[in-house]
Protein backbone atom coordinates (compact mmCIF):
# COMPACT_ATOMS: atom_id res chain seq x y z
CA MET A 1 -10.61 -1.42 -14.30
CA ALA A 2 -10.47 -3.93 -11.47
CA ASP A 3 -13.61 -4.62 -9.47
CA ARG A 4 -13.92 -2.47 -6.34
CA THR A 5 -16.45 -1.37 -3.75
CA ILE A 6 -17.18 2.24 -2.75
CA CYS A 7 -15.48 1.38 0.54
CA GLU A 8 -12.24 0.49 -1.21
CA ALA A 9 -12.40 3.30 -3.78
CA LEU A 10 -13.05 6.05 -1.25
CA GLY A 11 -10.43 4.84 1.21
CA ARG A 12 -7.78 4.51 -1.50
CA ALA A 13 -8.49 7.94 -2.98
CA ARG A 14 -8.42 9.60 0.45
CA ARG A 15 -5.13 7.98 1.41
CA ARG A 16 -3.54 8.94 -1.92
CA ARG A 17 -4.45 12.56 -1.16
CA GLY A 18 -2.93 12.25 2.30
CA LEU A 19 -6.14 13.25 4.06
CA THR A 20 -7.63 11.98 7.28
CA GLN A 21 -11.34 11.24 7.38
CA GLU A 22 -11.81 14.41 9.42
CA GLN A 23 -9.96 16.52 6.84
CA LEU A 24 -11.99 15.03 4.01
CA ALA A 25 -15.20 15.81 5.88
CA GLU A 26 -14.14 19.43 6.29
CA ALA A 27 -13.01 19.80 2.66
CA SER A 28 -16.08 18.16 1.13
CA GLY A 29 -18.87 19.27 3.45
CA VAL A 30 -19.92 15.62 3.86
CA SER A 31 -20.43 14.54 7.45
CA LEU A 32 -17.69 12.53 9.14
CA GLY A 33 -20.25 9.87 10.05
CA VAL A 34 -21.19 9.30 6.42
CA ILE A 35 -17.53 9.02 5.38
CA ARG A 36 -16.77 6.54 8.17
CA LYS A 37 -19.77 4.37 7.32
CA LEU A 38 -18.86 4.35 3.62
CA GLU A 39 -15.23 3.41 4.26
CA CYS A 40 -16.20 0.72 6.78
CA GLY A 41 -18.72 -0.80 4.40
CA ASP A 42 -21.60 -0.14 6.79
CA ARG A 43 -23.30 1.67 3.92
CA LEU A 44 -23.40 0.16 0.44
CA SER A 45 -24.10 3.34 -1.47
CA ALA A 46 -24.43 7.13 -1.29
CA ARG A 47 -26.26 9.82 -3.20
CA LEU A 48 -24.62 10.97 -6.41
CA ALA A 49 -24.48 14.49 -4.99
CA THR A 50 -22.58 13.15 -1.95
CA LEU A 51 -20.13 11.23 -4.13
CA HIS A 52 -19.68 14.34 -6.29
CA LYS A 53 -18.72 16.43 -3.23
CA LEU A 54 -16.27 13.78 -2.07
CA ALA A 55 -14.76 13.43 -5.55
CA ALA A 56 -14.35 17.21 -5.87
CA ALA A 57 -12.52 17.35 -2.55
CA LEU A 58 -10.30 14.43 -3.57
CA GLY A 59 -9.62 15.74 -7.08
CA VAL A 60 -10.93 12.64 -8.84
CA PRO A 61 -13.87 12.00 -11.23
CA THR A 62 -17.13 11.04 -9.52
CA THR A 63 -17.03 7.74 -11.39
CA ALA A 64 -13.79 6.87 -9.58
CA LEU A 65 -15.82 6.42 -6.38
CA LEU A 66 -18.56 4.23 -7.86
CA ASP A 67 -18.96 0.60 -6.90
CA THR A 68 -17.64 -1.62 -9.73
CA THR A 69 -18.14 -5.03 -8.12
CA PRO A 70 -20.36 -7.29 -10.24
CA ALA A 71 -24.05 -7.10 -9.34
CA ALA A 72 -25.80 -10.29 -8.29
CA THR A 73 -27.51 -11.99 -11.21
CA ALA A 74 -28.95 -15.09 -9.59
CA GLY A 75 -31.74 -16.53 -11.67
CA THR A 76 -30.87 -14.56 -14.81
CA PRO A 77 -29.51 -16.85 -17.52
CA ASP A 78 -28.02 -14.11 -19.69
CA VAL A 79 -25.08 -11.89 -18.86
CA GLU A 80 -26.30 -8.29 -18.55
CA PRO A 81 -24.68 -4.99 -17.54
CA ASP A 82 -24.11 -4.65 -13.82
CA GLY A 83 -27.08 -3.00 -12.16
CA LEU A 84 -29.69 -4.08 -14.70
CA LEU A 85 -31.19 -6.57 -12.26
CA ARG A 86 -31.80 -3.73 -9.80
CA LEU A 87 -33.58 -1.72 -12.49
CA ARG A 88 -35.79 -4.73 -13.18
CA GLN A 89 -36.65 -4.92 -9.48
CA ILE A 90 -37.56 -1.22 -9.38
CA LEU A 91 -39.63 -1.27 -12.58
CA ASN A 92 -41.31 -4.62 -11.90
CA PRO A 93 -41.35 -5.01 -8.09
CA VAL A 94 -42.78 -8.08 -6.44
CA PRO A 95 -45.82 -6.97 -4.38
CA GLY A 96 -44.88 -6.61 -0.72
CA SER A 97 -41.15 -6.96 -1.37
CA ALA A 98 -38.70 -5.01 0.80
CA PRO A 99 -36.58 -2.21 -0.73
CA ASP A 100 -33.33 -3.35 -2.30
CA PRO A 101 -30.68 -2.76 0.39
CA ALA A 102 -28.09 -2.08 -2.31
CA VAL A 103 -29.78 1.21 -3.19
CA GLU A 104 -30.73 2.37 0.30
CA THR A 105 -28.35 5.21 1.16
CA GLY A 106 -29.70 6.09 4.59
CA GLU A 107 -29.21 9.84 3.95
CA VAL A 108 -31.84 12.44 4.74
CA PRO A 109 -33.65 13.32 1.47
CA ASP A 110 -32.94 16.78 0.09
CA ALA A 111 -34.53 18.26 -3.06
CA THR A 112 -31.47 20.37 -3.89
CA ALA A 113 -29.10 17.41 -3.60
CA LEU A 114 -31.49 15.38 -5.74
CA ARG A 115 -31.32 17.97 -8.54
CA GLU A 116 -27.52 17.78 -8.38
CA SER A 117 -27.69 13.98 -8.59
CA VAL A 118 -29.96 14.18 -11.63
CA ALA A 119 -27.52 16.59 -13.29
CA GLN A 120 -24.68 14.12 -12.68
CA ALA A 121 -26.74 11.27 -14.16
CA VAL A 122 -27.54 13.35 -17.25
CA CYS A 123 -23.81 13.89 -17.79
CA LEU A 124 -23.15 10.16 -17.45
CA ALA A 125 -25.93 9.38 -19.93
CA ASP A 126 -24.36 11.80 -22.40
CA ALA A 127 -21.06 9.94 -22.05
CA THR A 128 -22.84 6.71 -23.12
CA ASP A 129 -20.96 4.72 -20.45
CA PHE A 130 -23.51 1.94 -20.09
CA ASN A 131 -21.90 0.05 -17.21
CA THR A 132 -21.64 3.21 -15.13
CA SER A 133 -25.21 4.24 -15.96
CA ALA A 134 -26.45 0.79 -14.95
CA ARG A 135 -24.86 1.25 -11.53
CA VAL A 136 -25.96 4.86 -11.03
CA LEU A 137 -29.60 4.74 -12.16
CA PRO A 138 -30.95 2.39 -9.44
CA THR A 139 -29.48 4.62 -6.73
CA LEU A 140 -30.81 7.74 -8.44
CA LEU A 141 -34.33 6.29 -8.65
CA ALA A 142 -34.24 5.26 -4.99
CA ASP A 143 -32.97 8.72 -3.99
CA ALA A 144 -35.73 10.44 -5.95
CA GLN A 145 -38.48 8.20 -4.63
CA SER A 146 -37.28 8.72 -1.05
CA THR A 147 -37.09 12.49 -1.53
CA LEU A 148 -40.62 12.60 -2.94
CA ARG A 149 -41.93 10.74 0.13
CA HIS A 150 -40.39 13.29 2.51
CA VAL A 151 -40.97 16.69 0.87
CA GLU A 152 -43.16 19.14 2.76
CA THR A 153 -44.06 22.06 0.49
CA ASP A 154 -45.88 22.08 -2.86
CA GLU A 155 -42.85 23.69 -4.49
CA GLU A 156 -40.53 20.95 -3.21
CA ARG A 157 -43.00 18.29 -4.33
CA ALA A 158 -43.16 19.69 -7.87
CA SER A 159 -39.36 19.81 -8.02
CA ALA A 160 -39.05 16.24 -6.75
CA LEU A 161 -41.65 15.03 -9.25
CA ARG A 162 -39.66 16.61 -12.12
CA SER A 163 -36.44 15.06 -10.84
CA LEU A 164 -37.99 11.61 -10.51
CA SER A 165 -39.56 11.96 -13.95
CA THR A 166 -36.14 12.77 -15.43
CA ALA A 167 -34.59 9.80 -13.59
CA TYR A 168 -37.17 7.46 -15.12
CA ARG A 169 -36.67 9.08 -18.54
CA LEU A 170 -32.92 8.49 -18.34
CA THR A 171 -33.64 4.90 -17.33
CA GLY A 172 -35.91 4.47 -20.35
CA GLN A 173 -33.26 5.96 -22.64
CA PHE A 174 -30.64 3.58 -21.24
CA LEU A 175 -32.91 0.54 -21.66
CA ILE A 176 -33.73 1.47 -25.27
CA GLN A 177 -30.02 1.40 -26.09
CA LEU A 178 -29.74 -2.09 -24.64
CA HIS A 179 -32.83 -3.23 -26.58
CA HIS A 180 -34.91 -3.91 -23.43
CA ARG A 181 -37.93 -2.21 -24.96
CA ASP A 182 -40.68 -3.51 -22.66
CA LEU A 183 -38.72 -2.30 -19.63
CA ALA A 184 -38.11 0.99 -21.41
CA HIS A 185 -41.85 1.44 -21.95
CA ALA A 186 -42.45 0.81 -18.23
CA ALA A 187 -39.85 3.42 -17.26
CA LEU A 188 -41.16 6.01 -19.72
CA ALA A 189 -44.78 5.46 -18.68
CA GLN A 190 -43.73 6.27 -15.11
CA ALA A 191 -41.78 9.30 -16.32
CA ALA A 192 -44.81 10.63 -18.21
CA ARG A 193 -47.15 10.10 -15.24
CA LEU A 194 -44.78 11.96 -12.91
CA ALA A 195 -44.40 14.80 -15.43
CA ARG A 196 -48.18 15.20 -15.58
CA ASP A 197 -48.37 15.15 -11.77
CA SER A 198 -45.82 17.99 -11.69
CA CYS A 199 -48.09 20.06 -14.01
CA ASP A 200 -45.07 20.80 -16.23
CA ILE A 201 -45.97 20.37 -19.91
CA VAL A 202 -42.36 20.94 -20.98
CA GLN A 203 -41.22 18.10 -18.72
CA GLU A 204 -43.92 15.93 -20.27
CA GLY A 205 -42.63 16.92 -23.69
CA SER A 206 -39.10 15.95 -22.64
CA VAL A 207 -40.33 12.45 -21.82
CA GLY A 208 -42.22 12.41 -25.12
CA ILE A 209 -39.01 12.98 -27.08
CA THR A 210 -37.58 9.73 -25.73
CA THR A 211 -40.89 7.85 -26.04
CA THR A 212 -41.30 8.78 -29.70
CA TRP A 213 -37.74 7.63 -30.34
CA LEU A 214 -38.67 4.23 -28.87
CA LEU A 215 -41.84 4.07 -30.98
CA VAL A 216 -39.88 4.84 -34.15
CA ARG A 217 -37.42 2.06 -33.32
CA GLU A 218 -40.41 -0.27 -32.95
CA ARG A 219 -41.72 0.98 -36.33
CA ARG A 220 -44.89 2.30 -34.69
CA LEU A 221 -44.66 5.32 -36.93
CA ASP A 222 -48.24 6.58 -36.83
CA GLU A 223 -48.23 6.48 -33.03
CA ALA A 224 -44.85 8.21 -32.84
CA GLU A 225 -45.91 11.04 -35.14
CA HIS A 226 -49.25 11.47 -33.36
CA LEU A 227 -47.65 11.64 -29.90
CA ALA A 228 -44.92 14.08 -30.96
CA VAL A 229 -47.36 16.40 -32.74
CA ALA A 230 -49.86 16.31 -29.85
CA LEU A 231 -47.19 17.25 -27.33
CA SER A 232 -45.70 19.96 -29.55
CA ASP A 233 -49.19 21.43 -30.00
CA ALA A 234 -49.64 21.47 -26.22
CA ILE A 235 -46.27 23.18 -25.72
CA GLU A 236 -46.42 25.48 -28.76
CA PRO A 237 -44.54 28.56 -27.59
CA ARG A 238 -44.73 32.21 -28.44
CA PHE A 239 -41.45 32.58 -30.29
CA ARG A 240 -40.81 36.11 -29.06
CA THR A 241 -41.04 35.30 -25.33
CA ALA A 242 -40.46 31.54 -24.96
CA THR A 243 -37.53 30.23 -22.92
CA PRO A 244 -34.82 28.16 -24.69
CA ARG A 245 -36.04 25.13 -22.71
CA ARG A 246 -39.57 25.46 -24.05
CA LEU A 247 -38.43 26.27 -27.61
CA GLY A 248 -35.88 23.47 -27.59
CA THR A 249 -38.35 20.84 -26.37
CA TYR A 250 -40.91 22.04 -28.91
CA GLY A 251 -38.33 21.84 -31.71
CA TRP A 252 -37.13 18.40 -30.67
CA LEU A 253 -40.70 17.07 -30.76
CA LEU A 254 -41.17 18.46 -34.26
CA LEU A 255 -37.98 16.70 -35.37
CA GLN A 256 -39.20 13.44 -33.86
CA ALA A 257 -42.51 13.80 -35.68
CA ALA A 258 -40.63 14.54 -38.90
CA SER A 259 -38.47 11.45 -38.41
CA ALA A 260 -41.57 9.27 -38.07
CA ALA A 261 -43.27 10.93 -41.08
CA THR A 262 -40.17 10.43 -43.23
CA ARG A 263 -40.04 6.72 -42.43
CA ASN A 264 -43.79 6.50 -43.04
CA ASN A 265 -43.38 7.86 -46.60
CA ARG A 266 -44.98 11.21 -45.79
CA PRO A 267 -42.31 13.59 -47.14
CA ASP A 268 -44.63 16.61 -47.46
CA VAL A 269 -45.64 16.37 -43.80
CA ALA A 270 -42.01 15.85 -42.78
CA GLY A 271 -40.93 18.88 -44.81
CA GLU A 272 -43.44 21.14 -43.04
CA LEU A 273 -42.35 19.86 -39.63
CA PHE A 274 -38.67 20.44 -40.50
CA ARG A 275 -39.40 24.02 -41.56
CA THR A 276 -41.14 24.82 -38.28
CA ALA A 277 -38.35 23.16 -36.28
CA ARG A 278 -35.75 25.23 -38.11
CA ALA A 279 -37.70 28.41 -37.32
CA ALA A 280 -37.55 27.49 -33.62
CA ALA A 281 -33.81 26.82 -33.91
CA VAL A 282 -33.19 30.15 -35.62
CA ARG A 283 -35.16 31.90 -32.89
CA ILE A 284 -32.95 30.38 -30.19
CA GLY A 285 -29.97 31.93 -31.98
CA PRO A 286 -26.48 31.17 -33.28
CA GLY A 287 -25.18 30.04 -29.89
CA SER A 288 -27.82 27.36 -29.61
CA GLY A 289 -25.26 24.56 -29.44
CA ARG A 290 -24.77 25.52 -25.79
CA LEU A 291 -28.45 25.92 -24.98
CA THR A 292 -29.19 22.31 -24.24
CA TYR A 293 -32.18 20.16 -23.52
CA GLU A 294 -30.80 17.84 -20.85
CA ARG A 295 -27.39 17.80 -22.55
CA ARG A 296 -29.01 17.34 -25.99
CA ALA A 297 -28.39 20.53 -27.94
CA PHE A 298 -31.13 21.97 -30.11
CA GLY A 299 -30.25 24.37 -32.89
CA THR A 300 -29.83 24.75 -36.62
CA SER A 301 -26.98 22.21 -36.72
CA LEU A 302 -29.24 19.59 -35.14
CA VAL A 303 -31.91 20.29 -37.75
CA SER A 304 -29.24 19.74 -40.42
CA MET A 305 -28.25 16.41 -38.86
CA LYS A 306 -31.88 15.29 -38.90
CA LEU A 307 -32.24 16.40 -42.53
CA ALA A 308 -29.19 14.27 -43.33
CA GLU A 309 -30.89 11.37 -41.54
CA GLN A 310 -33.99 11.94 -43.69
CA ALA A 311 -31.84 11.84 -46.84
CA SER A 312 -30.24 8.61 -45.61
CA VAL A 313 -33.65 7.00 -45.06
CA GLN A 314 -34.65 8.10 -48.56
CA GLY A 315 -31.46 6.61 -50.03
CA ASP A 316 -29.95 9.90 -51.20
CA ALA A 317 -26.30 9.40 -50.20
CA ARG A 318 -24.95 12.44 -52.03
CA ARG A 319 -27.41 14.70 -50.23
CA VAL A 320 -26.31 13.21 -46.91
CA LEU A 321 -22.70 14.13 -47.65
CA LYS A 322 -23.64 17.60 -48.86
CA ILE A 323 -25.65 18.36 -45.70
CA ALA A 324 -22.94 16.87 -43.45
CA LYS A 325 -20.48 19.54 -44.64
CA SER A 326 -22.58 22.15 -42.84
CA VAL A 327 -22.52 20.30 -39.49
CA PRO A 328 -19.62 21.44 -37.26
CA ALA A 329 -17.61 18.68 -35.59
CA ARG A 330 -19.41 17.84 -32.32
CA TRP A 331 -20.64 21.54 -32.02
CA GLY A 332 -22.22 20.81 -28.61
CA ALA A 333 -24.46 17.89 -29.63
CA SER A 334 -24.71 14.87 -27.36
CA VAL A 335 -22.35 11.97 -28.05
CA GLU A 336 -25.31 9.84 -29.11
CA ASP A 337 -26.85 12.36 -31.52
CA TYR A 338 -23.57 13.24 -33.20
CA SER A 339 -22.46 9.60 -33.43
CA ARG A 340 -25.77 8.63 -35.05
CA HIS A 341 -25.23 11.39 -37.62
CA ARG A 342 -21.72 10.18 -38.36
CA LEU A 343 -23.06 6.66 -38.96
CA ASP A 344 -25.32 8.17 -41.63
CA VAL A 345 -22.20 9.76 -43.12
CA ALA A 346 -20.29 6.46 -43.05
CA ASN A 347 -23.19 4.75 -44.81
CA ALA A 348 -23.31 7.53 -47.42
CA TYR A 349 -19.59 7.12 -48.14
CA LEU A 350 -20.15 3.39 -48.58
CA GLU A 351 -23.07 3.99 -50.94
CA THR A 352 -20.91 6.32 -53.07
CA LYS A 353 -18.10 3.70 -53.11
CA GLU A 354 -15.74 5.82 -51.01
CA THR A 355 -14.76 2.88 -48.83
CA GLY A 356 -11.68 4.51 -47.30
CA GLU A 357 -13.73 7.44 -46.01
CA ALA A 358 -16.42 5.03 -44.78
CA LEU A 359 -13.85 3.11 -42.74
CA GLU A 360 -12.32 6.28 -41.31
CA THR A 361 -15.76 7.49 -40.23
CA LEU A 362 -16.59 4.16 -38.59
CA ILE A 363 -13.31 4.31 -36.66
CA GLU A 364 -14.15 7.87 -35.57
CA VAL A 365 -17.57 6.79 -34.25
CA ARG A 366 -16.24 3.65 -32.55
CA ASP A 367 -13.45 5.54 -30.80
CA GLY A 368 -15.75 8.37 -29.74
CA ALA A 369 -18.52 6.21 -28.25
CA PRO A 370 -17.38 2.57 -27.93
CA ASP A 371 -20.23 1.33 -25.71
CA TRP A 372 -22.86 3.00 -27.87
CA PHE A 373 -21.25 1.79 -31.10
CA ARG A 374 -21.25 -1.88 -30.06
CA VAL A 375 -25.05 -2.02 -29.63
CA GLN A 376 -26.02 -0.23 -32.87
CA PRO A 377 -27.60 -2.51 -35.52
CA PHE A 378 -26.93 0.21 -38.12
CA ALA A 379 -23.20 0.13 -37.31
CA LYS A 380 -23.21 -3.64 -37.78
CA ASP A 381 -25.06 -3.33 -41.08
CA VAL A 382 -22.67 -0.70 -42.49
CA THR A 383 -19.63 -2.67 -41.34
CA THR A 384 -20.94 -5.95 -42.81
CA ARG A 385 -21.45 -4.31 -46.21
CA LEU A 386 -18.03 -2.67 -46.03
CA ILE A 387 -16.43 -6.06 -45.33
CA GLU A 388 -18.10 -7.45 -48.44
CA LYS A 389 -16.47 -4.71 -50.52
CA ARG A 390 -13.04 -5.01 -48.88
CA LYS A 391 -12.87 -8.76 -48.16
CA ARG A 392 -10.05 -9.38 -50.66
CA ARG A 393 -7.86 -6.91 -48.83
CA MET A 394 -9.07 -6.50 -45.28
CA PRO A 395 -7.46 -3.59 -43.36
CA THR A 396 -6.55 -4.37 -39.76
CA GLU A 397 -8.72 -1.46 -38.60
CA LEU A 398 -11.77 -3.04 -40.26
CA VAL A 399 -11.01 -6.38 -38.61
CA SER A 400 -10.84 -4.60 -35.26
CA ILE A 401 -14.25 -2.97 -35.80
CA ALA A 402 -15.72 -6.30 -36.90
CA ASP A 403 -14.42 -7.91 -33.70
CA ASP A 404 -15.98 -5.14 -31.60
CA LEU A 405 -19.34 -5.71 -33.27
CA GLY A 406 -19.16 -9.52 -33.13
CA ILE A 407 -18.97 -9.93 -36.91
CA ALA A 408 -17.12 -13.02 -38.10
CA VAL A 409 -14.48 -12.28 -40.76
């Protein structure tokens, strides 16, 4: 995709539809003044909810209207995804510095529009499109902060706090994937503080799911298990009356605690946590693949994926493959969760010397989530070992995957 500004993208899409600015304003519900300023370049950005309305009226994806010009990276020696510098400025601002003009939209804050923007960002995060997320997240954070400053009622404030907490959680999740762990901790600490300020323990638990994932990746296993268990205890629902959101967050925290316990050689503790998580999944019901926690489905299939992950950690490849047979293809899980499971399957095939199946599974994961795949150390490890087994007769597909992962062959 060629570089473009919002000005160019919006004007081109409108002209292709044969609409005047006035007609687009009427069709989208976005004011004519906002459209004119965006097309003239007088405004550098707009709320995600605004872009979504314009995209719907134009019949294009919201991402088609996003700015794709390279972000300024002066003073940063390494090449990073566009927009990462802006996230650094938000998470580590210089005292007394002015707001970044690139994320100032100039629109009147609105709590309802903010919730729509957060929903759009959650969808983008699920798509694991890192470049797009890097561009969207700074604007989302600025929108949420501005909205919080202008709300008037306690109800609006609580809603804005939850939205801003989710925006910081998504930022932390994004930064974990790119291995910027200190920045991720800063984002998640903000997310947790905002969740507590909103007096929403389930929102705090949502942040805790991502934080424990970061702690596990840092091998801080005792801390990860302790945090996940403490939050699940605070949330612990009454199974007969709890909402899917509360049950799903509770179950996810138990799975995170089990993941840490497994890696910490505490299989008995992990087994008990898995059993309780499965009970929560069963209570949600057979359609749980569509009852999602911020696009991350919780249900019996997810528990099975995590049990397969436990078997992989324990080196039981045949058990991984046996459990994987019970996991429906994609079934409503997020791209990231399902792709991680399929990497466990690829590794299990390699361990059982089924190299053809291992390669096919790697191709499946790469094609389904290319950005995510390229930054996974586990993918690189599995591919490197597969190359060692197939180096005498290297399939072109394996060479292609090696190139994507930066592995010399």
